[in-house]
Amino acid sequence: MLNILIINDSRIPVTQYGGTERVIWCLGKELVKMGHKVSYLVREGSYCDFAGVLFIDPAKKISDQIPDHIDIVHFNFPVNEPIHKPYIVTIHGNRNDDYAFDINTVFVSGNHAARYGSASYVYNGLDWNDYGKPELNNKRNYFHFLGDASWRVKNVKGAINAVLQTPSEKLKVLGGHRLNFRMGFRFTLSPRISFAGMVGGDEKNKLLQGSKGLIFPVRWQEPFGLAITESLYMGCPVFGTPYGSLPEIVNTEVGYLSNKSSELANAVQHADGYSRQHCHEYARDVFNSRKMAVAYLERYQRVLNGENLNTQKPQLIQPQTEKFLEWS
């Protein structure tokens, strides 16, 4: 049995969005099921019914807040101070500078790792028991966008344009509103586009189960994309751009990738050609919290044995010069 401390500068549990928070929650729960003792060091206001919770004191060094009995520490943000316990660091996002990551860094997809000269990665997994068994044979009459629509690299505008190029398909935006000042005043008039706002839990799951597919035309190097695996689990094929993790995760049996809106518009009209059952089983079997926990335990053990997870400190190989990746 290991005493594991998972650290993130946020509150848990997450009620709506919050990919990292959802992942570390599922990881901790799975590790406990496997017989390990888990504690979280997170922001005040957090709570958990299966693991201990400690609150981060921003006035103190993180190293001074790690209990003596801890065997391994799992950070979920870069560490910039000496840590006197064995530890790993999972990086969930992108950096576009010459920052050198810790030698024991783990990324969240093969593409994510490779862009920093690393082969160290673990796919994000979710506890699909939290999502229930989806209805895969129901009538579905819209597509969906899932993500923070105010974040321009997520390209909700592109998703809307692709759907409006079809004769009659509809799009439901999960994570945005019709009137958005943060996007430089975006107002969407078409009645074929509806907005659900920021949704989570059962409400989100129900909306996903009514969808024909996920429209996900991101314009950055997506590190992983929980929206992808959540949608697949609910039987939704993915129509997105070939950037970051997408070519790695979205194979031709579960979706279609292009950076041209006209090609995505054509593809979504053939969404019924994808097997909802296969999409569901693929997400269930490959991107679950059990597989994630087993993979992290292997990394924990390597570090406890004195090994490094990388041969050298990972560092971005090719900085991105354009603000947004190509989309037409």
Foldseek 3Di string as FASTA:
>chain_A
DFEEEEEDAAADDDFFDDVVNQLVLLLQVLVVVVPYAYEYAYDPPHDDDRHHYHYDDVVDQPLVVDDPRHAEYEYADADDDDHPHQYAYEDADDDQDFDFGDLRYEFAACLLQVQQVARHYFHRAGACVQLPQADQPDAAAAAEEDDQPLPCQQPVVLVVVLQVVAPQHAYEYARDQQFDVSNVTHHDDDPSYHYDHGHGGPVVSVNLLRHLAYEGAGFAQRRHDPVQLSSLLSLHAYEYAPHHCCCVLRPPLRYYHHQESPVSSVRSVVSVVHGSVVSNVSSVPRRHSNSRNVSVVVSSVCSSVVHGNGPGGGTRDDRDPDPTHHHD
